[in-house]
Amino acid sequence: MTKWLQRWWCDASSVDLRALAAMRVALGVVLLADLVLRLCDLGAFYTDGGALPRATLMGLAEYSRPSLLLMAGGPLWSGAVIAAAGLAALAFAIGWRTRTAALVLFVLLASIQARNPVVLIGGDIQMMALLLWALFLPLGARFSVDAAVARTPPPRSGRYRSIAAFALLVQIVSVYFFSAILKDGDAWWPDGTAVYYALELDRYTTDVGRWLQQYPSLTQPLTHGVWFLEWAAPLLVFAPVFMHGLRTAAWILLSLMHIGFLLCLELGHFPWVSLAALLALTPPTLWHTARRALDRDATARRRTRIYYDRDCGFCLASCHLLRVFLVVPRVRIAPAQDTPRAQRLMDAHWSWVVIDGDNTAHLKYEAFVALLRASLLFRWLAPLAARPWAVRAGDALYDVVAAQRGTIAALTRWLWQPRPVRWRPGAAAHGVAGAALVAVTAWNAHTVGWLPAPVLQPIAPLMQALRIDQRWDM
């Protein structure tokens, strides 16, 4: 039994680093889009001249959440805070100082949400929950600036196991499981009319939803399917047998459910946040299969080389960044001075050199196009990037960068300067993550009546201040 529990824990607390990176990128993009929309509504929702002035908010008896936006009521300060959060979301998405970006984003987003709780939806609660666990996970270990420029290489194994990884998976299934518990009306079971009534809300229904509304024979099984799937989510993700297969099934089914929500109802960013979170469920086998399917010409890509000027640290960092973000992991990087052919070309044309699998040399902008052709994900852009007008513009831009290489390197040192990165959090961080998992799970249990309110009274102020007091009644 002990060995069986150990094997179960190893699988239950494991996530793939590529899955975490995919979740990070998707969540960062959704956050950035959401913050841009909030800037568009700045005057209406986040200033004293809008719908909820600070005096009114602070006069509410239940108000107890701190917010940086309460320091001033004008659009300049509120806009600056939201814009700063947008920059943090961009840094989070590209994986630049990922853990610091997640912390800044967590603080600023909590402040923005606390300023006007009236306009929040379930997606906002889920954003805060995901950012909480992002503080304890190596989200930048793959497909990130951190992975490209770190002095300490990221973990070679794609599998990552920790309490925080387990907590993230528990958080993902909690959204569905506790929501299912709160769906206790006859409209869900046995009548199965909940989806039909949801589609009656014309304010939220799309054209596809109005079409579906005409077929009650379809909406009833859809209602039962959503309800049972939410109940089964913990079992599918943490099953004691066939865990990887069932977890993959959970990812597919829950993603299809949210795609259905997107097609039928206007629910803001909630389905997008959920789809981003579900990427954490994707198993290693899926990434291996996708890699094999995309890497059809592995031998040619393995022979592709990038040559740079050894005396230019900025050039080396740029090559590593291109290898990461163009997704050309098999391409090798080497100093041009070590290869006579590459050195002659570099000296003659003042250019980096890319030699492809056919042993053809490419210079300046065309070297970038050659890397696009070798990319696993972006090779479809190569024909467009190779158009004559794009080549002329690319070469002109390259000449400007090459001429001002020293100045540009100095101005962008903060981005590419190699630095040590601690990929795995320490023992203290694991302890905090474990305590947070207990607190969040207890809070969710309280929302469905499993724990009395006095039990959580000591931690309630902290949970509310951090805006991780969850309730999944949708």
Protein backbone atom coordinates (compact mmCIF):
# COMPACT_ATOMS: atom_id res chain seq x y z
CA MET A 1 0.00 0.00 0.00
CA THR A 2 2.83 2.40 0.85
CA LYS A 3 4.54 1.82 -2.50
CA TRP A 4 1.22 2.24 -4.31
CA LEU A 5 0.60 5.56 -2.52
CA GLN A 6 4.11 6.72 -3.37
CA ARG A 7 3.58 5.93 -7.05
CA TRP A 8 0.21 7.69 -6.99
CA TRP A 9 1.71 10.77 -5.34
CA CYS A 10 4.53 10.89 -7.89
CA ASP A 11 1.98 10.96 -10.72
CA ALA A 12 -0.60 13.13 -8.95
CA SER A 13 1.91 15.85 -8.09
CA SER A 14 3.62 15.92 -11.50
CA VAL A 15 3.18 18.34 -14.35
CA ASP A 16 5.08 18.78 -17.58
CA LEU A 17 7.28 21.88 -17.82
CA ARG A 18 6.10 22.44 -21.40
CA ALA A 19 2.51 22.36 -20.17
CA LEU A 20 3.35 24.97 -17.53
CA ALA A 21 5.00 27.14 -20.17
CA ALA A 22 1.96 26.86 -22.44
CA MET A 23 -0.31 27.82 -19.54
CA ARG A 24 1.95 30.79 -18.73
CA VAL A 25 1.92 32.13 -22.28
CA ALA A 26 -1.84 31.70 -22.68
CA LEU A 27 -2.64 33.20 -19.28
CA GLY A 28 -0.28 36.13 -19.88
CA VAL A 29 -1.96 36.92 -23.21
CA VAL A 30 -5.44 36.74 -21.66
CA LEU A 31 -4.34 38.97 -18.77
CA LEU A 32 -2.83 41.49 -21.15
CA ALA A 33 -6.01 41.64 -23.25
CA ASP A 34 -8.14 42.01 -20.12
CA LEU A 35 -6.01 44.88 -18.81
CA VAL A 36 -6.22 46.68 -22.16
CA LEU A 37 -10.02 46.45 -21.94
CA ARG A 38 -9.92 47.79 -18.38
CA LEU A 39 -7.93 50.78 -19.62
CA CYS A 40 -10.70 51.44 -22.13
CA ASP A 41 -13.19 51.61 -19.23
CA LEU A 42 -10.82 53.51 -16.95
CA GLY A 43 -13.01 56.55 -16.26
CA ALA A 44 -16.19 54.56 -15.76
CA PHE A 45 -14.92 51.95 -13.29
CA TYR A 46 -11.64 53.07 -11.69
CA THR A 47 -11.91 56.80 -10.92
CA ASP A 48 -13.88 58.96 -8.51
CA GLY A 49 -15.80 60.34 -11.46
CA GLY A 50 -17.11 56.92 -12.41
CA ALA A 51 -19.77 54.53 -11.15
CA LEU A 52 -18.04 53.70 -7.85
CA PRO A 53 -16.10 56.58 -6.20
CA ARG A 54 -13.61 55.70 -3.50
CA ALA A 55 -15.76 57.26 -0.76
CA THR A 56 -18.70 55.03 -1.70
CA LEU A 57 -16.52 51.91 -1.87
CA MET A 58 -14.85 52.52 1.48
CA GLY A 59 -18.21 53.27 3.06
CA LEU A 60 -19.48 49.77 2.38
CA ALA A 61 -19.75 47.80 5.61
CA GLU A 62 -18.17 44.66 4.13
CA TYR A 63 -15.27 46.48 2.46
CA SER A 64 -11.94 45.20 3.79
CA ARG A 65 -9.64 44.82 0.79
CA PRO A 66 -6.53 46.98 0.32
CA SER A 67 -5.90 48.51 -3.09
CA LEU A 68 -3.20 50.70 -4.54
CA LEU A 69 -5.89 52.42 -6.59
CA LEU A 70 -7.35 53.92 -3.39
CA MET A 71 -4.31 56.21 -3.08
CA ALA A 72 -5.74 58.59 -5.70
CA GLY A 73 -9.03 58.92 -7.53
CA GLY A 74 -7.93 60.41 -10.84
CA PRO A 75 -7.46 58.60 -14.15
CA LEU A 76 -3.69 59.24 -14.25
CA TRP A 77 -2.89 57.13 -11.18
CA SER A 78 -5.39 54.39 -11.97
CA GLY A 79 -4.19 54.24 -15.56
CA ALA A 80 -0.56 54.02 -14.41
CA VAL A 81 -1.32 51.06 -12.13
CA ILE A 82 -3.24 49.20 -14.85
CA ALA A 83 -0.51 49.97 -17.41
CA ALA A 84 2.14 48.65 -14.98
CA ALA A 85 0.09 45.48 -14.60
CA GLY A 86 -0.01 45.21 -18.38
CA LEU A 87 3.79 45.40 -18.57
CA ALA A 88 4.02 42.72 -15.87
CA ALA A 89 1.58 40.55 -17.87
CA LEU A 90 3.78 40.96 -20.95
CA ALA A 91 6.90 40.01 -18.97
CA PHE A 92 5.01 37.02 -17.55
CA ALA A 93 3.92 35.88 -21.01
CA ILE A 94 7.43 35.98 -22.51
CA GLY A 95 8.97 34.54 -19.33
CA TRP A 96 11.25 37.45 -18.40
CA ARG A 97 12.05 37.23 -14.68
CA THR A 98 8.97 35.07 -14.53
CA ARG A 99 8.54 34.67 -10.78
CA THR A 100 9.06 38.40 -10.13
CA ALA A 101 6.60 39.25 -12.90
CA ALA A 102 4.06 36.86 -11.38
CA LEU A 103 4.47 38.50 -7.95
CA VAL A 104 4.08 42.04 -9.34
CA LEU A 105 1.10 40.92 -11.39
CA PHE A 106 -0.47 39.24 -8.35
CA VAL A 107 -0.21 42.42 -6.25
CA LEU A 108 -1.36 44.82 -8.96
CA LEU A 109 -4.23 42.63 -10.15
CA ALA A 110 -5.47 42.23 -6.58
CA SER A 111 -5.47 46.03 -6.27
CA ILE A 112 -7.34 46.48 -9.55
CA GLN A 113 -9.97 43.92 -8.63
CA ALA A 114 -10.41 45.35 -5.13
CA ARG A 115 -11.05 48.85 -6.55
CA ASN A 116 -14.32 47.82 -8.20
CA PRO A 117 -15.69 44.43 -7.12
CA VAL A 118 -18.98 45.09 -8.93
CA VAL A 119 -17.50 44.36 -12.37
CA LEU A 120 -15.76 41.10 -11.45
CA ILE A 121 -16.67 37.68 -12.83
CA GLY A 122 -15.50 34.13 -12.22
CA GLY A 123 -12.56 34.58 -14.57
CA ASP A 124 -11.13 37.29 -12.30
CA ILE A 125 -11.21 34.95 -9.30
CA GLN A 126 -9.56 32.24 -11.36
CA MET A 127 -6.82 34.62 -12.52
CA MET A 128 -5.84 35.36 -8.93
CA ALA A 129 -5.90 31.67 -8.03
CA LEU A 130 -3.59 30.74 -10.92
CA LEU A 131 -1.19 33.59 -10.17
CA LEU A 132 -0.99 32.42 -6.55
CA TRP A 133 0.40 29.03 -7.60
CA ALA A 134 2.57 30.62 -10.29
CA LEU A 135 4.66 32.08 -7.47
CA PHE A 136 5.81 28.57 -6.49
CA LEU A 137 6.27 26.93 -9.90
CA PRO A 138 9.04 27.06 -12.56
CA LEU A 139 6.78 28.50 -15.24
CA GLY A 140 9.80 29.99 -17.02
CA ALA A 141 11.75 26.75 -17.43
CA ARG A 142 10.60 26.35 -21.05
CA PHE A 143 9.91 28.77 -23.92
CA SER A 144 11.01 31.89 -22.04
CA VAL A 145 13.60 34.62 -21.88
CA ASP A 146 14.73 33.14 -18.57
CA ALA A 147 15.44 29.77 -20.19
CA ALA A 148 17.36 31.48 -23.01
CA VAL A 149 19.69 33.69 -20.99
CA ALA A 150 20.07 31.89 -17.64
CA ARG A 151 23.56 30.96 -16.51
CA THR A 152 22.05 27.97 -14.74
CA PRO A 153 20.44 25.75 -17.39
CA PRO A 154 16.78 24.81 -16.86
CA PRO A 155 15.97 21.26 -15.70
CA ARG A 156 16.66 18.69 -18.41
CA SER A 157 13.74 16.51 -17.39
CA GLY A 158 10.39 17.79 -18.59
CA ARG A 159 8.62 16.33 -15.57
CA TYR A 160 8.27 18.52 -12.50
CA ARG A 161 6.91 17.25 -9.19
CA SER A 162 6.15 19.35 -6.08
CA ILE A 163 3.45 20.31 -3.61
CA ALA A 164 2.81 23.46 -5.64
CA ALA A 165 2.25 21.38 -8.79
CA PHE A 166 -0.27 19.25 -6.90
CA ALA A 167 -1.89 22.43 -5.56
CA LEU A 168 -2.24 23.83 -9.08
CA LEU A 169 -4.01 20.68 -10.25
CA VAL A 170 -6.26 20.72 -7.17
CA GLN A 171 -7.09 24.35 -7.93
CA ILE A 172 -8.04 23.54 -11.50
CA VAL A 173 -10.43 20.73 -10.54
CA SER A 174 -11.83 22.73 -7.59
CA VAL A 175 -13.42 25.17 -10.03
CA TYR A 176 -15.54 22.36 -11.44
CA PHE A 177 -16.05 20.15 -8.40
CA PHE A 178 -17.26 22.85 -6.00
CA SER A 179 -19.30 24.41 -8.78
CA ALA A 180 -21.03 21.04 -9.28
CA ILE A 181 -21.84 20.83 -5.57
CA LEU A 182 -23.47 24.26 -5.70
CA LYS A 183 -25.57 23.18 -8.72
CA ASP A 184 -28.14 21.41 -6.54
CA GLY A 185 -31.40 22.42 -8.21
CA ASP A 186 -33.81 20.29 -10.20
CA ALA A 187 -32.78 22.22 -13.33
CA TRP A 188 -29.54 20.21 -13.27
CA TRP A 189 -30.88 16.87 -12.10
CA PRO A 190 -33.24 15.29 -12.89
CA ASP A 191 -34.96 17.88 -15.14
CA GLY A 192 -31.87 18.84 -17.15
CA THR A 193 -33.21 22.26 -18.10
CA ALA A 194 -30.31 24.42 -16.87
CA VAL A 195 -28.68 24.88 -20.28
CA TYR A 196 -32.04 25.74 -21.83
CA TYR A 197 -32.68 28.42 -19.18
CA ALA A 198 -29.15 29.79 -19.53
CA LEU A 199 -29.75 30.25 -23.25
CA GLU A 200 -32.93 32.20 -22.38
CA LEU A 201 -30.73 35.03 -21.08
CA ASP A 202 -30.72 37.10 -24.27
CA ARG A 203 -28.11 39.50 -22.90
CA TYR A 204 -25.52 36.69 -22.91
CA THR A 205 -26.71 34.38 -25.70
CA THR A 206 -24.91 34.28 -29.05
CA ASP A 207 -26.40 33.37 -32.41
CA VAL A 208 -25.25 29.77 -31.94
CA GLY A 209 -26.88 29.72 -28.50
CA ARG A 210 -30.18 31.00 -29.92
CA TRP A 211 -30.07 28.28 -32.54
CA LEU A 212 -29.38 25.61 -29.92
CA GLN A 213 -32.23 26.90 -27.79
CA GLN A 214 -34.68 25.58 -30.38
CA TYR A 215 -33.70 21.98 -29.59
CA PRO A 216 -34.56 21.03 -25.99
CA SER A 217 -33.76 17.43 -26.88
CA LEU A 218 -30.12 18.55 -27.15
CA THR A 219 -29.98 20.94 -24.21
CA GLN A 220 -31.08 18.28 -21.70
CA PRO A 221 -28.19 15.84 -22.37
CA LEU A 222 -25.82 18.81 -22.51
CA THR A 223 -26.99 19.86 -19.05
CA HIS A 224 -26.46 16.39 -17.64
CA GLY A 225 -23.09 16.13 -19.42
CA VAL A 226 -21.79 19.39 -17.93
CA TRP A 227 -23.00 18.43 -14.45
CA PHE A 228 -21.52 14.93 -14.45
CA LEU A 229 -18.26 16.10 -16.02
CA GLU A 230 -17.78 18.69 -13.27
CA TRP A 231 -18.48 16.08 -10.60
CA ALA A 232 -16.03 13.67 -12.24
CA ALA A 233 -13.19 16.19 -12.74
CA PRO A 234 -11.22 15.23 -9.58
CA LEU A 235 -11.46 11.52 -10.38
CA LEU A 236 -10.30 12.05 -13.96
CA VAL A 237 -7.29 14.15 -12.92
CA PHE A 238 -6.25 12.15 -9.83
CA ALA A 239 -7.42 8.65 -10.75
CA PRO A 240 -5.45 5.88 -9.00
CA VAL A 241 -5.21 3.95 -12.28
CA PHE A 242 -4.66 5.05 -15.89
CA MET A 243 -3.95 8.55 -14.59
CA HIS A 244 -2.23 9.93 -17.69
CA GLY A 245 -4.93 8.73 -20.05
CA LEU A 246 -7.78 9.93 -17.85
CA ARG A 247 -6.05 13.28 -17.26
CA THR A 248 -5.78 13.71 -21.02
CA ALA A 249 -9.48 12.89 -21.31
CA ALA A 250 -10.24 15.51 -18.65
CA TRP A 251 -8.27 18.13 -20.58
CA ILE A 252 -10.09 17.33 -23.83
CA LEU A 253 -13.59 17.15 -22.35
CA LEU A 254 -13.30 20.23 -20.15
CA SER A 255 -11.75 22.21 -23.00
CA LEU A 256 -14.61 21.19 -25.30
CA MET A 257 -17.06 22.30 -22.61
CA HIS A 258 -15.49 25.76 -22.47
CA ILE A 259 -15.40 25.99 -26.26
CA GLY A 260 -19.12 25.25 -26.13
CA PHE A 261 -19.55 28.09 -23.63
CA LEU A 262 -17.64 30.41 -25.97
CA LEU A 263 -19.85 29.50 -28.90
CA CYS A 264 -23.15 29.82 -27.06
CA LEU A 265 -22.71 32.48 -24.35
CA GLU A 266 -20.86 35.75 -23.91
CA LEU A 267 -19.04 35.14 -20.63
CA GLY A 268 -16.20 37.65 -20.89
CA HIS A 269 -12.74 36.24 -20.33
CA PHE A 270 -13.83 33.36 -18.09
CA PRO A 271 -13.69 30.63 -20.80
CA TRP A 272 -10.32 31.91 -22.01
CA VAL A 273 -8.81 31.85 -18.52
CA SER A 274 -10.19 28.35 -18.03
CA LEU A 275 -8.76 27.11 -21.33
CA ALA A 276 -5.37 28.55 -20.33
CA ALA A 277 -5.52 26.80 -16.94
CA LEU A 278 -6.46 23.47 -18.50
CA LEU A 279 -3.23 23.45 -20.52
CA ALA A 280 -1.51 22.39 -17.30
CA LEU A 281 -3.28 19.02 -17.65
CA THR A 282 -1.61 18.16 -20.95
CA PRO A 283 0.61 15.08 -20.42
CA PRO A 284 4.21 14.53 -21.58
CA THR A 285 3.07 12.01 -24.19
CA LEU A 286 1.06 14.72 -25.94
CA TRP A 287 4.11 16.99 -26.18
CA HIS A 288 6.32 14.12 -27.36
CA THR A 289 3.78 13.18 -30.03
CA ALA A 290 3.44 16.77 -31.19
CA ARG A 291 7.23 17.13 -31.33
CA ARG A 292 7.59 14.01 -33.49
CA ALA A 293 4.76 15.13 -35.78
CA LEU A 294 6.22 18.60 -36.27
CA ASP A 295 9.86 17.54 -36.48
CA ARG A 296 9.55 15.63 -39.74
CA ASP A 297 13.02 16.65 -40.92
CA ALA A 298 14.94 16.24 -37.68
CA THR A 299 18.24 15.37 -39.36
CA ALA A 300 18.31 18.53 -41.47
CA ARG A 301 17.45 20.68 -38.49
CA ARG A 302 20.14 19.05 -36.41
CA ARG A 303 22.67 20.05 -39.08
CA THR A 304 21.50 23.71 -39.05
CA ARG A 305 23.99 25.95 -37.26
CA ILE A 306 24.00 29.57 -36.09
CA TYR A 307 27.34 31.37 -36.01
CA TYR A 308 27.86 34.57 -34.05
CA ASP A 309 30.70 36.91 -33.14
CA ARG A 310 32.44 35.49 -30.07
CA ASP A 311 33.29 38.99 -28.80
CA CYS A 312 29.61 40.02 -28.72
CA GLY A 313 27.63 38.85 -25.68
CA PHE A 314 24.54 40.57 -27.05
CA CYS A 315 24.85 38.49 -30.25
CA LEU A 316 25.08 35.23 -28.31
CA ALA A 317 22.05 36.11 -26.19
CA SER A 318 20.10 37.07 -29.34
CA CYS A 319 20.87 33.68 -30.87
CA HIS A 320 19.63 31.88 -27.76
CA LEU A 321 16.46 33.99 -27.71
CA LEU A 322 15.79 33.21 -31.36
CA ARG A 323 16.33 29.49 -30.77
CA VAL A 324 13.80 29.53 -27.92
CA PHE A 325 11.09 31.74 -29.42
CA LEU A 326 11.32 30.45 -32.98
CA VAL A 327 11.17 26.91 -31.55
CA VAL A 328 14.28 25.50 -33.23
CA PRO A 329 15.64 23.39 -30.36
CA ARG A 330 17.84 21.18 -32.58
CA VAL A 331 19.76 24.11 -34.07
CA ARG A 332 23.30 24.45 -32.75
CA ILE A 333 24.94 27.76 -31.81
CA ALA A 334 28.71 28.28 -32.16
CA PRO A 335 31.23 31.14 -32.47
CA ALA A 336 32.02 32.00 -36.09
CA GLN A 337 35.72 32.22 -35.19
CA ASP A 338 35.80 28.43 -34.70
CA THR A 339 34.72 27.70 -38.30
CA PRO A 340 36.81 29.19 -41.17
CA ARG A 341 33.89 29.37 -43.61
CA ALA A 342 31.64 31.13 -41.11
CA GLN A 343 34.40 33.54 -40.08
CA ARG A 344 35.14 34.52 -43.70
CA LEU A 345 31.47 35.23 -44.33
CA MET A 346 31.06 37.16 -41.10
CA ASP A 347 34.13 39.32 -41.78
CA ALA A 348 33.22 39.95 -45.41
CA HIS A 349 29.58 40.90 -44.81
CA TRP A 350 29.61 42.04 -41.15
CA SER A 351 26.81 39.58 -40.47
CA TRP A 352 25.86 36.59 -38.42
CA VAL A 353 25.72 33.35 -40.39
CA VAL A 354 23.16 30.55 -40.53
CA ILE A 355 24.15 27.39 -42.42
CA ASP A 356 21.13 25.17 -43.05
CA GLY A 357 20.81 21.40 -43.42
CA ASP A 358 21.70 21.64 -47.14
CA ASN A 359 24.97 23.38 -46.20
CA THR A 360 23.77 26.67 -47.72
CA ALA A 361 24.92 29.81 -45.93
CA HIS A 362 22.48 32.65 -45.17
CA LEU A 363 23.35 36.17 -44.04
CA LYS A 364 21.62 39.11 -42.38
CA TYR A 365 17.82 38.97 -42.67
CA GLU A 366 17.86 35.86 -44.87
CA ALA A 367 19.50 34.03 -41.97
CA PHE A 368 16.37 34.79 -39.94
CA VAL A 369 14.21 33.42 -42.76
CA ALA A 370 16.32 30.25 -42.76
CA LEU A 371 15.56 29.80 -39.06
CA LEU A 372 11.87 30.28 -39.78
CA ARG A 373 12.07 27.43 -42.29
CA ALA A 374 13.64 25.25 -39.58
CA SER A 375 11.06 26.22 -36.94
CA LEU A 376 8.70 23.59 -35.58
CA LEU A 377 5.83 26.08 -35.19
CA PHE A 378 6.49 29.07 -37.46
CA ARG A 379 7.76 27.55 -40.70
CA TRP A 380 4.46 28.58 -42.33
CA LEU A 381 5.60 32.21 -41.99
CA ALA A 382 8.76 31.63 -44.04
CA PRO A 383 7.17 32.19 -47.51
CA LEU A 384 5.72 35.51 -46.36
CA ALA A 385 8.97 36.55 -44.67
CA ALA A 386 10.90 35.72 -47.87
CA ARG A 387 8.96 38.18 -50.05
CA PRO A 388 11.28 40.72 -51.75
CA TRP A 389 9.79 43.69 -49.89
CA ALA A 390 10.24 41.88 -46.55
CA VAL A 391 13.86 41.00 -47.40
CA ARG A 392 14.67 44.62 -48.31
CA ALA A 393 13.11 45.91 -45.08
CA GLY A 394 14.75 43.19 -43.02
CA ASP A 395 18.22 43.84 -44.43
CA ALA A 396 17.83 47.58 -43.82
CA LEU A 397 16.80 46.94 -40.22
CA TYR A 398 19.68 44.51 -39.74
CA ASP A 399 22.19 47.08 -41.03
CA VAL A 400 20.87 49.65 -38.55
CA VAL A 401 21.14 47.20 -35.65
CA ALA A 402 24.62 46.07 -36.71
CA ALA A 403 25.85 49.66 -37.00
CA GLN A 404 24.51 50.52 -33.55
CA ARG A 405 25.23 47.16 -31.96
CA GLY A 406 27.09 48.55 -28.96
CA THR A 407 24.43 51.16 -28.17
CA ILE A 408 21.55 48.71 -28.55
CA ALA A 409 23.37 46.12 -26.45
CA ALA A 410 23.87 48.66 -23.65
CA LEU A 411 20.24 49.82 -23.76
CA THR A 412 18.85 46.29 -23.72
CA ARG A 413 21.30 44.78 -21.24
CA TRP A 414 18.49 44.44 -18.69
CA LEU A 415 16.77 41.99 -21.05
CA TRP A 416 19.58 39.76 -22.31
CA GLN A 417 22.27 39.95 -19.63
CA PRO A 418 22.99 36.36 -18.48
CA ARG A 419 22.03 35.80 -14.85
CA PRO A 420 21.61 32.88 -12.46
CA VAL A 421 18.05 31.58 -12.17
CA ARG A 422 16.83 29.39 -9.35
CA TRP A 423 14.41 27.06 -11.07
CA ARG A 424 13.22 25.08 -8.05
CA PRO A 425 11.77 26.95 -5.05
CA GLY A 426 13.34 26.25 -1.67
CA ALA A 427 11.92 24.33 1.29
CA ALA A 428 10.30 27.47 2.73
CA ALA A 429 8.40 28.10 -0.50
CA HIS A 430 7.17 24.49 -0.53
CA GLY A 431 5.94 24.96 3.04
CA VAL A 432 4.07 28.14 2.15
CA ALA A 433 2.54 26.42 -0.89
CA GLY A 434 1.36 23.53 1.29
CA ALA A 435 -0.18 25.92 3.82
CA ALA A 436 -1.87 27.86 1.01
CA LEU A 437 -3.28 24.62 -0.43
CA VAL A 438 -4.83 23.72 2.93
CA ALA A 439 -6.25 27.23 3.36
CA VAL A 440 -7.73 27.48 -0.14
CA THR A 441 -9.23 23.98 0.02
CA ALA A 442 -10.73 24.70 3.43
CA TRP A 443 -12.19 27.94 2.09
CA ASN A 444 -13.78 26.15 -0.85
CA ALA A 445 -15.18 23.53 1.54
CA HIS A 446 -16.69 26.36 3.60
CA THR A 447 -18.44 27.80 0.52
CA VAL A 448 -20.41 24.56 0.08
CA GLY A 449 -21.25 24.23 3.78
CA TRP A 450 -18.73 21.57 4.72
CA LEU A 451 -16.90 23.79 7.25
CA PRO A 452 -18.46 26.33 9.61
CA ALA A 453 -17.47 29.99 9.22
CA PRO A 454 -15.80 30.32 12.67
CA VAL A 455 -13.15 27.77 11.64
CA LEU A 456 -11.90 30.12 8.92
CA GLN A 457 -12.27 33.35 10.86
CA PRO A 458 -8.53 33.63 11.73
CA ILE A 459 -7.43 33.47 8.08
CA ALA A 460 -10.37 35.31 6.50
CA PRO A 461 -8.74 38.81 6.54
CA LEU A 462 -5.59 37.51 4.84
CA MET A 463 -7.54 35.52 2.25
CA GLN A 464 -9.67 38.56 1.43
CA ALA A 465 -6.70 40.93 1.30
CA LEU A 466 -4.93 38.62 -1.18
CA ARG A 467 -8.21 38.11 -3.04
CA ILE A 468 -7.93 34.33 -2.95
CA ASP A 469 -11.23 33.86 -1.12
CA GLN A 470 -12.89 31.76 -3.77
CA ARG A 471 -16.47 30.83 -4.52
CA TRP A 472 -17.36 28.89 -7.65
CA ASP A 473 -21.09 29.44 -7.89
CA MET A 474 -20.68 31.06 -11.34
